C-alpha atoms as a PDB file:
ATOM      1  CA  MET A   1     141.761-134.173 -18.616  1.00  0.00           C
ATOM      2  CA  ARG A   2     144.604-136.639 -17.638  1.00  0.00           C
ATOM      3  CA  LEU A   3     148.189-135.780 -17.178  1.00  0.00           C
ATOM      4  CA  GLY A   4     150.840-137.953 -18.486  1.00  0.00           C
ATOM      5  CA  SER A   5     154.264-137.719 -20.385  1.00  0.00           C
ATOM      6  CA  ASP A   6     155.948-138.277 -23.549  1.00  0.00           C
ATOM      7  CA  ALA A   7     157.545-141.743 -22.838  1.00  0.00           C
ATOM      8  CA  LEU A   8     160.777-141.032 -24.783  1.00  0.00           C
ATOM      9  CA  LYS A   9     161.890-138.149 -22.565  1.00  0.00           C
ATOM     10  CA  LEU A  10     161.204-139.722 -19.142  1.00  0.00           C
ATOM     11  CA  PRO A  11     164.555-140.430 -17.379  1.00  0.00           C
ATOM     12  CA  GLU A  12     166.485-143.371 -18.799  1.00  0.00           C
ATOM     13  CA  SER A  13     163.465-144.564 -20.844  1.00  0.00           C
ATOM     14  CA  ALA A  14     165.734-146.308 -23.331  1.00  0.00           C
ATOM     15  CA  ARG A  15     166.572-148.911 -20.569  1.00  0.00           C
ATOM     16  CA  TYR A  16     162.912-150.093 -20.113  1.00  0.00           C
ATOM     17  CA  SER A  17     160.426-151.933 -22.335  1.00  0.00           C
ATOM     18  CA  PRO A  18     157.045-149.947 -23.035  1.00  0.00           C
ATOM     19  CA  VAL A  19     155.267-152.096 -20.404  1.00  0.00           C
ATOM     20  CA  GLU A  20     158.033-151.165 -17.752  1.00  0.00           C
ATOM     21  CA  GLN A  21     157.770-147.524 -18.793  1.00  0.00           C
ATOM     22  CA  LEU A  22     154.068-147.548 -18.187  1.00  0.00           C
ATOM     23  CA  GLU A  23     154.756-149.110 -14.681  1.00  0.00           C
ATOM     24  CA  ARG A  24     157.469-146.541 -13.762  1.00  0.00           C
ATOM     25  CA  ALA A  25     155.153-143.652 -15.053  1.00  0.00           C
ATOM     26  CA  ALA A  26     152.230-144.951 -12.836  1.00  0.00           C
ATOM     27  CA  LYS A  27     154.525-144.894  -9.877  1.00  0.00           C
ATOM     28  CA  GLU A  28     155.218-141.321 -10.358  1.00  0.00           C
ATOM     29  CA  GLY A  29     151.649-140.521 -10.525  1.00  0.00           C
ATOM     30  CA  LEU A  30     151.397-139.942 -14.194  1.00  0.00           C
ATOM     31  CA  GLU A  31     148.115-140.933 -15.862  1.00  0.00           C
ATOM     32  CA  GLY A  32     149.228-141.921 -19.388  1.00  0.00           C
ATOM     33  CA  LEU A  33     152.132-142.236 -21.945  1.00  0.00           C
ATOM     34  CA  PHE A  34     152.499-140.678 -25.344  1.00  0.00           C
ATOM     35  CA  PHE A  35     155.020-142.849 -27.458  1.00  0.00           C
ATOM     36  CA  ARG A  36     156.474-141.031 -30.326  1.00  0.00           C
ATOM     37  CA  THR A  37     155.610-143.758 -32.958  1.00  0.00           C
ATOM     38  CA  ILE A  38     153.820-146.961 -32.771  1.00  0.00           C
ATOM     39  CA  LEU A  39     157.064-148.572 -33.510  1.00  0.00           C
ATOM     40  CA  HIS A  40     158.361-147.692 -30.118  1.00  0.00           C
ATOM     41  CA  LEU A  41     155.616-150.119 -28.828  1.00  0.00           C
ATOM     42  CA  SER A  42     156.718-152.754 -31.281  1.00  0.00           C
ATOM     43  CA  ALA A  43     159.373-152.352 -33.883  1.00  0.00           C
ATOM     44  CA  GLU A  44     157.884-155.081 -35.951  1.00  0.00           C
ATOM     45  CA  LEU A  45     154.261-154.203 -35.368  1.00  0.00           C
ATOM     46  CA  ASP A  46     153.935-157.495 -33.564  1.00  0.00           C
ATOM     47  CA  PRO A  47     150.298-157.926 -32.465  1.00  0.00           C
ATOM     48  CA  GLY A  48     151.227-159.840 -29.300  1.00  0.00           C
ATOM     49  CA  GLU A  49     153.606-157.071 -28.242  1.00  0.00           C
ATOM     50  CA  LEU A  50     151.160-154.294 -29.071  1.00  0.00           C
ATOM     51  CA  ARG A  51     148.348-156.049 -27.058  1.00  0.00           C
ATOM     52  CA  ALA A  52     150.663-156.398 -24.036  1.00  0.00           C
ATOM     53  CA  VAL A  53     151.119-152.682 -23.927  1.00  0.00           C
ATOM     54  CA  ARG A  54     147.483-151.944 -24.404  1.00  0.00           C
ATOM     55  CA  GLU A  55     146.619-154.353 -21.550  1.00  0.00           C
ATOM     56  CA  LYS A  56     149.170-152.820 -19.219  1.00  0.00           C
ATOM     57  CA  ALA A  57     147.718-149.411 -19.885  1.00  0.00           C
ATOM     58  CA  ASP A  58     144.215-150.603 -19.251  1.00  0.00           C
ATOM     59  CA  GLU A  59     145.222-152.399 -16.102  1.00  0.00           C
ATOM     60  CA  LEU A  60     146.881-149.112 -14.800  1.00  0.00           C
ATOM     61  CA  GLY A  61     144.078-146.970 -15.959  1.00  0.00           C
ATOM     62  CA  MET A  62     146.373-145.066 -18.113  1.00  0.00           C
ATOM     63  CA  TYR A  63     145.924-143.370 -21.438  1.00  0.00           C
ATOM     64  CA  LEU A  64     148.077-144.541 -24.373  1.00  0.00           C
ATOM     65  CA  GLU A  65     148.871-142.439 -27.411  1.00  0.00           C
ATOM     66  CA  ALA A  66     151.557-142.828 -30.146  1.00  0.00           C
ATOM     67  CA  GLY A  67     152.541-141.507 -33.409  1.00  0.00           C
ATOM     68  CA  LEU A  68     153.796-142.137 -37.123  1.00  0.00           C
ATOM     69  CA  GLY A  69     156.718-139.870 -37.388  1.00  0.00           C
ATOM     70  CA  LYS A  70     157.729-137.788 -40.285  1.00  0.00           C
ATOM     71  CA  VAL A  71     155.093-136.786 -42.873  1.00  0.00           C
ATOM     72  CA  ASN A  72     157.143-134.346 -44.915  1.00  0.00           C
ATOM     73  CA  PRO A  73     158.160-136.214 -48.106  1.00  0.00           C
ATOM     74  CA  TYR A  74     161.368-134.019 -48.276  1.00  0.00           C
ATOM     75  CA  ASN A  75     162.715-135.675 -45.046  1.00  0.00           C
ATOM     76  CA  LEU A  76     161.076-139.223 -45.070  1.00  0.00           C
ATOM     77  CA  ALA A  77     164.479-140.504 -46.214  1.00  0.00           C
ATOM     78  CA  GLU A  78     165.739-139.620 -42.667  1.00  0.00           C
ATOM     79  CA  SER A  79     163.325-142.428 -41.272  1.00  0.00           C
ATOM     80  CA  PRO A  80     163.934-145.308 -43.844  1.00  0.00           C
ATOM     81  CA  GLU A  81     161.998-147.725 -41.455  1.00  0.00           C
ATOM     82  CA  LEU A  82     158.767-146.073 -42.533  1.00  0.00           C
ATOM     83  CA  ARG A  83     159.213-146.991 -46.196  1.00  0.00           C
ATOM     84  CA  ALA A  84     160.679-150.338 -45.385  1.00  0.00           C
ATOM     85  CA  LEU A  85     157.432-151.321 -43.404  1.00  0.00           C
ATOM     86  CA  GLY A  86     155.745-151.272 -46.841  1.00  0.00           C
ATOM     87  CA  ASP A  87     158.561-153.110 -48.736  1.00  0.00           C
ATOM     88  CA  GLY A  88     159.284-149.829 -50.500  1.00  0.00           C
ATOM     89  CA  ASP A  89     155.698-148.555 -50.688  1.00  0.00           C
ATOM     90  CA  THR A  90     155.727-145.628 -48.284  1.00  0.00           C
ATOM     91  CA  VAL A  91     151.956-145.311 -48.045  1.00  0.00           C
ATOM     92  CA  ALA A  92     151.470-149.109 -47.519  1.00  0.00           C
ATOM     93  CA  GLY A  93     154.185-148.706 -44.571  1.00  0.00           C
ATOM     94  CA  PHE A  94     151.913-145.866 -43.107  1.00  0.00           C
ATOM     95  CA  ARG A  95     148.946-148.057 -43.613  1.00  0.00           C
ATOM     96  CA  ARG A  96     150.448-150.807 -41.597  1.00  0.00           C
ATOM     97  CA  MET A  97     151.233-148.482 -38.797  1.00  0.00           C
ATOM     98  CA  MET A  98     147.776-146.956 -38.660  1.00  0.00           C
ATOM     99  CA  GLU A  99     146.107-150.223 -38.723  1.00  0.00           C
ATOM    100  CA  ALA A 100     148.378-151.557 -35.954  1.00  0.00           C
ATOM    101  CA  ALA A 101     147.373-148.623 -33.894  1.00  0.00           C
ATOM    102  CA  ALA A 102     143.730-148.755 -34.535  1.00  0.00           C
ATOM    103  CA  ASP A 103     143.714-152.391 -33.517  1.00  0.00           C
ATOM    104  CA  ILE A 104     144.806-151.396 -30.044  1.00  0.00           C
ATOM    105  CA  GLY A 105     142.586-148.502 -29.725  1.00  0.00           C
ATOM    106  CA  ILE A 106     145.029-145.724 -30.435  1.00  0.00           C
ATOM    107  CA  THR A 107     143.263-143.249 -32.909  1.00  0.00           C
ATOM    108  CA  GLU A 108     145.263-140.081 -32.274  1.00  0.00           C
ATOM    109  CA  LEU A 109     148.602-140.379 -33.915  1.00  0.00           C
ATOM    110  CA  TRP A 110     151.385-137.626 -33.790  1.00  0.00           C
ATOM    111  CA  GLY A 111     153.226-136.548 -36.899  1.00  0.00           C
ATOM    112  CA  GLU A 112     155.996-134.197 -37.480  1.00  0.00           C
ATOM    113  CA  THR A 113     157.164-132.009 -40.450  1.00  0.00           C
ATOM    114  CA  ALA A 114     160.883-132.184 -39.723  1.00  0.00           C
ATOM    115  CA  THR A 115     163.546-132.729 -36.956  1.00  0.00           C
ATOM    116  CA  ILE A 116     165.904-130.141 -35.693  1.00  0.00           C
ATOM    117  CA  LYS A 117     169.330-130.436 -37.045  1.00  0.00           C
ATOM    118  CA  PRO A 118     172.747-130.095 -35.138  1.00  0.00           C
ATOM    119  CA  TYR A 119     173.660-126.916 -36.976  1.00  0.00           C
ATOM    120  CA  GLU A 120     174.123-123.297 -35.774  1.00  0.00           C
ATOM    121  CA  GLY A 121     171.624-120.654 -36.374  1.00  0.00           C
ATOM    122  CA  ARG A 122     168.587-120.811 -38.564  1.00  0.00           C
ATOM    123  CA  PHE A 123     170.037-123.738 -40.596  1.00  0.00           C
ATOM    124  CA  ALA A 124     168.977-126.046 -37.605  1.00  0.00           C
ATOM    125  CA  TYR A 125     165.527-125.786 -39.074  1.00  0.00           C
ATOM    126  CA  ASP A 126     164.349-127.367 -42.275  1.00  0.00           C
ATOM    127  CA  ARG A 127     162.344-124.221 -42.795  1.00  0.00           C
ATOM    128  CA  PHE A 128     165.574-122.599 -43.951  1.00  0.00           C
ATOM    129  CA  ARG A 129     166.845-125.492 -46.321  1.00  0.00           C
ATOM    130  CA  THR A 130     168.378-124.098 -49.414  1.00  0.00           C
ATOM    131  CA  ASP A 131     167.801-127.138 -51.625  1.00  0.00           C
ATOM    132  CA  VAL A 132     163.929-127.101 -51.360  1.00  0.00           C
ATOM    133  CA  PRO A 133     161.811-123.976 -50.391  1.00  0.00           C
ATOM    134  CA  TRP A 134     159.688-124.352 -47.252  1.00  0.00           C
ATOM    135  CA  ALA A 135     156.528-123.625 -49.189  1.00  0.00           C
ATOM    136  CA  ASP A 136     157.280-126.830 -51.334  1.00  0.00           C
ATOM    137  CA  GLN A 137     157.819-128.773 -48.311  1.00  0.00           C
ATOM    138  CA  LEU A 138     154.401-127.611 -46.840  1.00  0.00           C
ATOM    139  CA  ASP A 139     152.588-128.371 -50.100  1.00  0.00           C
ATOM    140  CA  ALA A 140     154.179-131.790 -50.278  1.00  0.00           C
ATOM    141  CA  THR A 141     153.087-132.521 -46.657  1.00  0.00           C
ATOM    142  CA  ALA A 142     149.423-131.589 -47.315  1.00  0.00           C
ATOM    143  CA  LYS A 143     149.430-133.890 -50.479  1.00  0.00           C
ATOM    144  CA  PHE A 144     150.905-136.878 -48.553  1.00  0.00           C
ATOM    145  CA  LEU A 145     148.374-136.216 -45.778  1.00  0.00           C
ATOM    146  CA  THR A 146     145.573-136.327 -48.401  1.00  0.00           C
ATOM    147  CA  LEU A 147     146.818-139.610 -49.585  1.00  0.00           C
ATOM    148  CA  LEU A 148     146.628-140.907 -46.023  1.00  0.00           C
ATOM    149  CA  ALA A 149     143.207-139.380 -45.424  1.00  0.00           C
ATOM    150  CA  PRO A 150     140.994-142.244 -46.736  1.00  0.00           C
ATOM    151  CA  ILE A 151     143.012-144.691 -44.557  1.00  0.00           C
ATOM    152  CA  ALA A 152     142.656-142.377 -41.499  1.00  0.00           C
ATOM    153  CA  ARG A 153     138.988-141.957 -42.235  1.00  0.00           C
ATOM    154  CA  ASP A 154     138.099-145.712 -42.472  1.00  0.00           C
ATOM    155  CA  LEU A 155     140.088-146.316 -39.315  1.00  0.00           C
ATOM    156  CA  GLY A 156     138.793-143.366 -37.261  1.00  0.00           C
ATOM    157  CA  ILE A 157     142.213-141.971 -36.935  1.00  0.00           C
ATOM    158  CA  HIS A 158     143.523-138.278 -36.793  1.00  0.00           C
ATOM    159  CA  VAL A 159     147.108-137.640 -37.819  1.00  0.00           C
ATOM    160  CA  ASN A 160     148.056-134.713 -35.483  1.00  0.00           C
ATOM    161  CA  LEU A 161     150.927-132.528 -36.709  1.00  0.00           C
ATOM    162  CA  GLU A 162     153.171-131.067 -34.048  1.00  0.00           C
ATOM    163  CA  THR A 163     153.796-127.353 -33.609  1.00  0.00           C
ATOM    164  CA  HIS A 164     157.358-128.467 -34.126  1.00  0.00           C
ATOM    165  CA  GLU A 165     160.331-126.018 -34.126  1.00  0.00           C
ATOM    166  CA  GLU A 166     160.271-125.382 -37.916  1.00  0.00           C
ATOM    167  CA  ILE A 167     156.533-124.842 -38.546  1.00  0.00           C
ATOM    168  CA  THR A 168     154.153-122.014 -37.450  1.00  0.00           C
ATOM    169  CA  THR A 169     150.600-122.392 -36.032  1.00  0.00           C
ATOM    170  CA  PHE A 170     149.446-120.450 -39.105  1.00  0.00           C
ATOM    171  CA  GLU A 171     150.842-123.020 -41.489  1.00  0.00           C
ATOM    172  CA  LEU A 172     149.420-125.918 -39.383  1.00  0.00           C
ATOM    173  CA  VAL A 173     145.938-124.348 -39.456  1.00  0.00           C
ATOM    174  CA  ARG A 174     146.075-124.179 -43.277  1.00  0.00           C
ATOM    175  CA  ILE A 175     147.322-127.777 -43.725  1.00  0.00           C
ATOM    176  CA  VAL A 176     144.311-128.932 -41.394  1.00  0.00           C
ATOM    177  CA  GLU A 177     141.854-127.035 -43.218  1.00  0.00           C
ATOM    178  CA  THR A 178     143.189-127.995 -46.609  1.00  0.00           C
ATOM    179  CA  VAL A 179     143.401-131.751 -45.943  1.00  0.00           C
ATOM    180  CA  GLY A 180     140.299-131.710 -43.616  1.00  0.00           C
ATOM    181  CA  PRO A 181     139.989-131.670 -39.777  1.00  0.00           C
ATOM    182  CA  ASP A 182     138.043-134.997 -39.928  1.00  0.00           C
ATOM    183  CA  THR A 183     141.573-136.747 -40.509  1.00  0.00           C
ATOM    184  CA  VAL A 184     144.199-134.091 -39.391  1.00  0.00           C
ATOM    185  CA  GLY A 185     144.620-132.417 -36.281  1.00  0.00           C
ATOM    186  CA  ILE A 186     147.445-130.712 -34.170  1.00  0.00           C
ATOM    187  CA  THR A 187     149.694-131.759 -31.446  1.00  0.00           C
ATOM    188  CA  PHE A 188     150.365-128.597 -29.395  1.00  0.00           C
ATOM    189  CA  ASP A 189     153.912-128.322 -28.102  1.00  0.00           C
ATOM    190  CA  THR A 190     153.557-125.434 -25.870  1.00  0.00           C
ATOM    191  CA  ALA A 191     157.090-124.078 -25.869  1.00  0.00           C
ATOM    192  CA  ASN A 192     158.152-124.981 -29.479  1.00  0.00           C
ATOM    193  CA  VAL A 193     156.063-122.025 -30.851  1.00  0.00           C
ATOM    194  CA  LEU A 194     158.671-119.749 -29.126  1.00  0.00           C
ATOM    195  CA  GLN A 195     161.192-120.739 -31.748  1.00  0.00           C
ATOM    196  CA  ARG A 196     158.851-119.187 -34.452  1.00  0.00           C
ATOM    197  CA  ALA A 197     158.376-116.056 -32.257  1.00  0.00           C
ATOM    198  CA  GLU A 198     154.762-116.752 -31.474  1.00  0.00           C
ATOM    199  CA  HIS A 199     153.190-115.951 -28.177  1.00  0.00           C
ATOM    200  CA  PRO A 200     152.147-119.133 -26.727  1.00  0.00           C
ATOM    201  CA  VAL A 201     148.701-117.971 -25.560  1.00  0.00           C
ATOM    202  CA  ARG A 202     147.960-116.472 -29.084  1.00  0.00           C
ATOM    203  CA  ALA A 203     149.208-119.644 -30.603  1.00  0.00           C
ATOM    204  CA  ALA A 204     146.912-121.700 -28.293  1.00  0.00           C
ATOM    205  CA  GLU A 205     143.910-119.379 -29.378  1.00  0.00           C
ATOM    206  CA  ARG A 206     144.549-120.005 -32.991  1.00  0.00           C
ATOM    207  CA  ILE A 207     144.825-123.861 -32.859  1.00  0.00           C
ATOM    208  CA  ALA A 208     142.680-124.954 -30.007  1.00  0.00           C
ATOM    209  CA  PRO A 209     139.755-126.111 -32.071  1.00  0.00           C
ATOM    210  CA  TYR A 210     142.204-128.596 -33.761  1.00  0.00           C
ATOM    211  CA  VAL A 211     144.383-129.651 -30.929  1.00  0.00           C
ATOM    212  CA  ARG A 212     144.146-133.436 -30.185  1.00  0.00           C
ATOM    213  CA  GLN A 213     147.468-134.053 -28.419  1.00  0.00           C
ATOM    214  CA  THR A 214     149.971-132.226 -26.583  1.00  0.00           C
ATOM    215  CA  HIS A 215     153.459-131.758 -25.495  1.00  0.00           C
ATOM    216  CA  ILE A 216     153.294-129.674 -22.359  1.00  0.00           C
ATOM    217  CA  LYS A 217     156.620-128.021 -21.704  1.00  0.00           C
ATOM    218  CA  ASP A 218     158.254-124.789 -20.787  1.00  0.00           C
ATOM    219  CA  ALA A 219     161.327-122.887 -21.831  1.00  0.00           C
ATOM    220  CA  GLY A 220     163.247-119.616 -21.192  1.00  0.00           C
ATOM    221  CA  LEU A 221     164.362-117.084 -23.619  1.00  0.00           C
ATOM    222  CA  PHE A 222     167.792-115.233 -23.565  1.00  0.00           C
ATOM    223  CA  ARG A 223     169.091-112.465 -25.658  1.00  0.00           C
ATOM    224  CA  LEU A 224     172.244-113.152 -27.758  1.00  0.00           C
ATOM    225  CA  PRO A 225     173.954-110.706 -29.959  1.00  0.00           C
ATOM    226  CA  ASP A 226     172.268-111.908 -33.114  1.00  0.00           C
ATOM    227  CA  GLY A 227     169.136-113.357 -31.697  1.00  0.00           C
ATOM    228  CA  LEU A 228     167.683-115.401 -28.963  1.00  0.00           C
ATOM    229  CA  ALA A 229     168.506-118.673 -27.218  1.00  0.00           C
ATOM    230  CA  PHE A 230     165.894-121.227 -26.103  1.00  0.00           C
ATOM    231  CA  GLN A 231     166.460-123.439 -23.228  1.00  0.00           C
ATOM    232  CA  MET A 232     164.120-126.014 -21.624  1.00  0.00           C
ATOM    233  CA  ARG A 233     162.926-125.390 -18.085  1.00  0.00           C
ATOM    234  CA  PRO A 234     160.697-127.101 -15.759  1.00  0.00           C
ATOM    235  CA  VAL A 235     157.015-126.241 -16.370  1.00  0.00           C
ATOM    236  CA  GLY A 236     156.466-122.857 -14.456  1.00  0.00           C
ATOM    237  CA  ASP A 237     160.025-121.814 -14.651  1.00  0.00           C
ATOM    238  CA  GLY A 238     159.945-120.541 -18.175  1.00  0.00           C
ATOM    239  CA  VAL A 239     157.986-118.003 -20.334  1.00  0.00           C
ATOM    240  CA  VAL A 240     155.151-119.985 -21.523  1.00  0.00           C
ATOM    241  CA  GLY A 241     152.383-119.426 -19.064  1.00  0.00           C
ATOM    242  CA  MET A 242     150.175-122.416 -18.500  1.00  0.00           C
ATOM    243  CA  ALA A 243     147.659-120.218 -16.673  1.00  0.00           C
ATOM    244  CA  GLY A 244     146.923-118.596 -19.919  1.00  0.00           C
ATOM    245  CA  ILE A 245     147.103-121.782 -22.315  1.00  0.00           C
ATOM    246  CA  LEU A 246     145.373-124.446 -20.429  1.00  0.00           C
ATOM    247  CA  PRO A 247     141.941-122.978 -20.065  1.00  0.00           C
ATOM    248  CA  VAL A 248     141.958-122.334 -23.694  1.00  0.00           C
ATOM    249  CA  LEU A 249     142.812-125.894 -24.681  1.00  0.00           C
ATOM    250  CA  LEU A 250     140.466-127.479 -22.160  1.00  0.00           C
ATOM    251  CA  ALA A 251     137.664-125.255 -23.095  1.00  0.00           C
ATOM    252  CA  ALA A 252     137.978-126.651 -26.649  1.00  0.00           C
ATOM    253  CA  ASN A 253     138.558-130.222 -25.799  1.00  0.00           C
ATOM    254  CA  PRO A 254     137.964-131.105 -21.965  1.00  0.00           C
ATOM    255  CA  ASP A 255     139.110-134.705 -22.531  1.00  0.00           C
ATOM    256  CA  LEU A 256     142.442-133.617 -23.887  1.00  0.00           C
ATOM    257  CA  HIS A 257     145.346-135.622 -22.618  1.00  0.00           C
ATOM    258  CA  LEU A 258     148.393-133.258 -21.284  1.00  0.00           C
ATOM    259  CA  SER A 259     151.498-135.158 -21.943  1.00  0.00           C
ATOM    260  CA  LEU A 260     154.665-133.483 -20.368  1.00  0.00           C
ATOM    261  CA  GLU A 261     157.888-133.261 -22.507  1.00  0.00           C
ATOM    262  CA  VAL A 262     160.758-132.955 -20.096  1.00  0.00           C
ATOM    263  CA  ARG A 263     164.512-132.421 -20.332  1.00  0.00           C
ATOM    264  CA  ASP A 264     166.126-135.605 -21.485  1.00  0.00           C
ATOM    265  CA  TYR A 265     168.302-137.703 -19.346  1.00  0.00           C
ATOM    266  CA  GLY A 266     169.482-140.834 -21.011  1.00  0.00           C
ATOM    267  CA  GLY A 267     166.241-141.523 -22.712  1.00  0.00           C
ATOM    268  CA  ALA A 268     166.451-140.386 -26.239  1.00  0.00           C
ATOM    269  CA  PRO A 269     169.047-141.973 -28.336  1.00  0.00           C
ATOM    270  CA  GLY A 270     169.614-140.328 -31.642  1.00  0.00           C
ATOM    271  CA  LEU A 271     168.257-136.856 -30.825  1.00  0.00           C
ATOM    272  CA  PRO A 272     170.321-134.189 -32.386  1.00  0.00           C
ATOM    273  CA  ARG A 273     172.776-132.223 -30.092  1.00  0.00           C
ATOM    274  CA  ARG A 274     173.536-128.714 -30.993  1.00  0.00           C
ATOM    275  CA  GLY A 275     176.412-128.361 -28.403  1.00  0.00           C
ATOM    276  CA  LYS A 276     177.852-125.004 -27.712  1.00  0.00           C
ATOM    277  CA  ASP A 277     176.423-122.873 -30.496  1.00  0.00           C
ATOM    278  CA  LYS A 278     178.033-119.685 -31.747  1.00  0.00           C
ATOM    279  CA  ARG A 279     174.966-118.453 -33.486  1.00  0.00           C
ATOM    280  CA  ALA A 280     171.413-117.925 -32.090  1.00  0.00           C
ATOM    281  CA  ALA A 281     168.922-120.550 -33.002  1.00  0.00           C
ATOM    282  CA  ILE A 282     166.140-117.904 -32.969  1.00  0.00           C
ATOM    283  CA  SER A 283     167.757-115.626 -35.519  1.00  0.00           C
ATOM    284  CA  LEU A 284     164.924-113.217 -35.780  1.00  0.00           C
ATOM    285  CA  TYR A 285     167.200-110.204 -36.534  1.00  0.00           C
ATOM    286  CA  GLU A 286     168.268-111.578 -39.909  1.00  0.00           C
ATOM    287  CA  PRO A 287     166.432-110.496 -42.903  1.00  0.00           C
ATOM    288  CA  GLU A 288     166.065-114.165 -44.039  1.00  0.00           C
ATOM    289  CA  TRP A 289     164.446-115.030 -40.834  1.00  0.00           C
ATOM    290  CA  ILE A 290     161.950-112.080 -41.070  1.00  0.00           C
ATOM    291  CA  ALA A 291     161.184-112.811 -44.680  1.00  0.00           C
ATOM    292  CA  ALA A 292     160.251-116.519 -43.626  1.00  0.00           C
ATOM    293  CA  HIS A 293     157.601-115.341 -41.244  1.00  0.00           C
ATOM    294  CA  PRO A 294     154.982-113.494 -43.209  1.00  0.00           C
ATOM    295  CA  ASP A 295     152.159-114.299 -40.844  1.00  0.00           C
ATOM    296  CA  LEU A 296     153.772-112.757 -37.706  1.00  0.00           C
ATOM    297  CA  THR A 297     152.307-109.445 -36.640  1.00  0.00           C
ATOM    298  CA  VAL A 298     153.744-106.471 -34.712  1.00  0.00           C
ATOM    299  CA  PRO A 299     151.195-106.796 -31.875  1.00  0.00           C
ATOM    300  CA  GLU A 300     152.028-110.401 -31.363  1.00  0.00           C
ATOM    301  CA  LEU A 301     155.886-109.961 -31.600  1.00  0.00           C
ATOM    302  CA  THR A 302     155.388-107.053 -29.158  1.00  0.00           C
ATOM    303  CA  GLU A 303     153.791-109.386 -26.646  1.00  0.00           C
ATOM    304  CA  TYR A 304     156.443-111.938 -27.232  1.00  0.00           C
ATOM    305  CA  PHE A 305     159.181-109.454 -26.222  1.00  0.00           C
ATOM    306  CA  LEU A 306     157.284-108.565 -23.212  1.00  0.00           C
ATOM    307  CA  LEU A 307     157.456-112.138 -22.111  1.00  0.00           C
ATOM    308  CA  LEU A 308     161.285-111.936 -22.627  1.00  0.00           C
ATOM    309  CA  GLN A 309     161.412-108.735 -20.592  1.00  0.00           C
ATOM    310  CA  ARG A 310     159.417-110.156 -17.727  1.00  0.00           C
ATOM    311  CA  TYR A 311     161.619-113.210 -17.697  1.00  0.00           C
ATOM    312  CA  GLU A 312     164.779-111.068 -17.593  1.00  0.00           C
ATOM    313  CA  GLU A 313     163.358-109.309 -14.595  1.00  0.00           C
ATOM    314  CA  ARG A 314     162.739-112.761 -12.812  1.00  0.00           C
ATOM    315  CA  ILE A 315     166.337-113.493 -13.395  1.00  0.00           C
ATOM    316  CA  ALA A 316     167.646-110.206 -12.236  1.00  0.00           C
ATOM    317  CA  ALA A 317     165.565-110.630  -8.976  1.00  0.00           C
ATOM    318  CA  GLY A 318     167.203-114.105  -8.436  1.00  0.00           C
ATOM    319  CA  GLU A 319     163.964-115.907  -8.667  1.00  0.00           C
ATOM    320  CA  ILE A 320     165.477-118.279 -11.297  1.00  0.00           C
ATOM    321  CA  PRO A 321     168.857-118.933 -12.725  1.00  0.00           C
ATOM    322  CA  GLY A 322     170.229-117.347 -15.807  1.00  0.00           C
ATOM    323  CA  HIS A 323     171.158-119.153 -19.058  1.00  0.00           C
ATOM    324  CA  GLU A 324     174.798-120.017 -18.334  1.00  0.00           C
ATOM    325  CA  GLU A 325     174.027-120.709 -14.722  1.00  0.00           C
ATOM    326  CA  TYR A 326     171.405-123.234 -15.484  1.00  0.00           C
ATOM    327  CA  ALA A 327     173.388-124.808 -18.341  1.00  0.00           C
ATOM    328  CA  GLN A 328     176.281-125.549 -16.200  1.00  0.00           C
ATOM    329  CA  ALA A 329     174.455-126.857 -13.190  1.00  0.00           C
ATOM    330  CA  PRO A 330     174.817-130.660 -12.438  1.00  0.00           C
ATOM    331  CA  TRP A 331     172.264-132.720 -14.339  1.00  0.00           C
ATOM    332  CA  THR A 332     171.854-136.111 -12.361  1.00  0.00           C
ATOM    333  CA  LEU A 333     169.182-138.619 -12.480  1.00  0.00           C
ATOM    334  CA  ASP A 334     167.633-137.225  -9.313  1.00  0.00           C
ATOM    335  CA  ASP A 335     167.601-133.802 -11.040  1.00  0.00           C
ATOM    336  CA  ALA A 336     165.799-135.282 -13.988  1.00  0.00           C
ATOM    337  CA  TRP A 337     163.118-136.763 -11.890  1.00  0.00           C
ATOM    338  CA  GLU A 338     162.630-133.507  -9.844  1.00  0.00           C
ATOM    339  CA  TYR A 339     162.144-131.922 -13.273  1.00  0.00           C
ATOM    340  CA  VAL A 340     159.513-134.253 -14.093  1.00  0.00           C
ATOM    341  CA  ARG A 341     157.710-133.884 -10.538  1.00  0.00           C
ATOM    342  CA  ARG A 342     157.917-130.036 -10.445  1.00  0.00           C
ATOM    343  CA  SER A 343     156.424-130.027 -13.948  1.00  0.00           C
ATOM    344  CA  ARG A 344     153.722-132.412 -13.066  1.00  0.00           C
ATOM    345  CA  ASP A 345     152.727-130.603  -9.927  1.00  0.00           C
ATOM    346  CA  HIS A 346     152.737-127.167 -11.615  1.00  0.00           C
ATOM    347  CA  VAL A 347     150.393-128.285 -14.395  1.00  0.00           C
ATOM    348  CA  ARG A 348     148.094-129.886 -11.783  1.00  0.00           C
ATOM    349  CA  ALA A 349     148.012-126.713  -9.669  1.00  0.00           C
ATOM    350  CA  VAL A 350     146.980-124.677 -12.722  1.00  0.00           C
ATOM    351  CA  VAL A 351     144.235-127.075 -13.772  1.00  0.00           C
ATOM    352  CA  ASP A 352     142.940-126.999 -10.168  1.00  0.00           C
ATOM    353  CA  ALA A 353     142.766-123.405 -10.213  1.00  0.00           C
ATOM    354  CA  ALA A 354     141.196-122.959 -13.581  1.00  0.00           C
END
């Protein structure tokens, strides 16, 4: 096990080249970087640029991971560069990225089924699009991954779908088992499952055999009149509970890389900003929300609300700040790095104690 970070989210990452980002991460005691797509290493997939990043990672003794991006055909238009790589042939564009990654020894490639949108309530999630049912999006995703499977198999690659905000672990397992675990795996974002009302430990137990990449992060949950709010916190200051999750993951894959995903500070241009929402993002009191989660069980939902209750008790005791207090606190570069360090140290302490 090695502990690193998502490169995009480290403070001010946009100011630095991939090689410089590796050097900065190493100075912070991080053991690797996870770049969202191979295009973050080289926008043109230039072999020399890619080799330079690989050589720097090897020189520093760091792991190097990357991704492909969106694999849901219904939102591929949001990433036109993926089709452009193949001169209009989308599969050819993905083949180019996969071959470029394999050439520098990156064989675990992240993928996502959507991106959260800057809308209020459930419409922030593509799961609730009204132009195309979510079931159709899942079917199209599985079919597209089936097209990529022979390429992945030839290159020894896995495309690892993230437990992103819009998709459940139940659905991810079905996709992996439909397409085949020899070419498709899962990137476990430990906090995103909260947005689908899944208990993080139960989620880990469901997907552990298929987890090949991670986003290690934490979040708080807060009651609103129409649902719950989700707010990123340093690892250990949220509801996720790494002590219950990491042993499950590492028992299934002892060599799994743990990549922190931290609160952004000037490093992720283009990420959607939801602003001051009036409606809860986790709209679980709405009939439409409930109907969209047929796999969710009463026992797991009960455990989920127990996490919320225990978190509220910590806030009431003054152990951690409440939602508004944390949102209004200063967020400086020093604060951002302190967030990274606290998260890093907490994860290492949990691993050492396991």
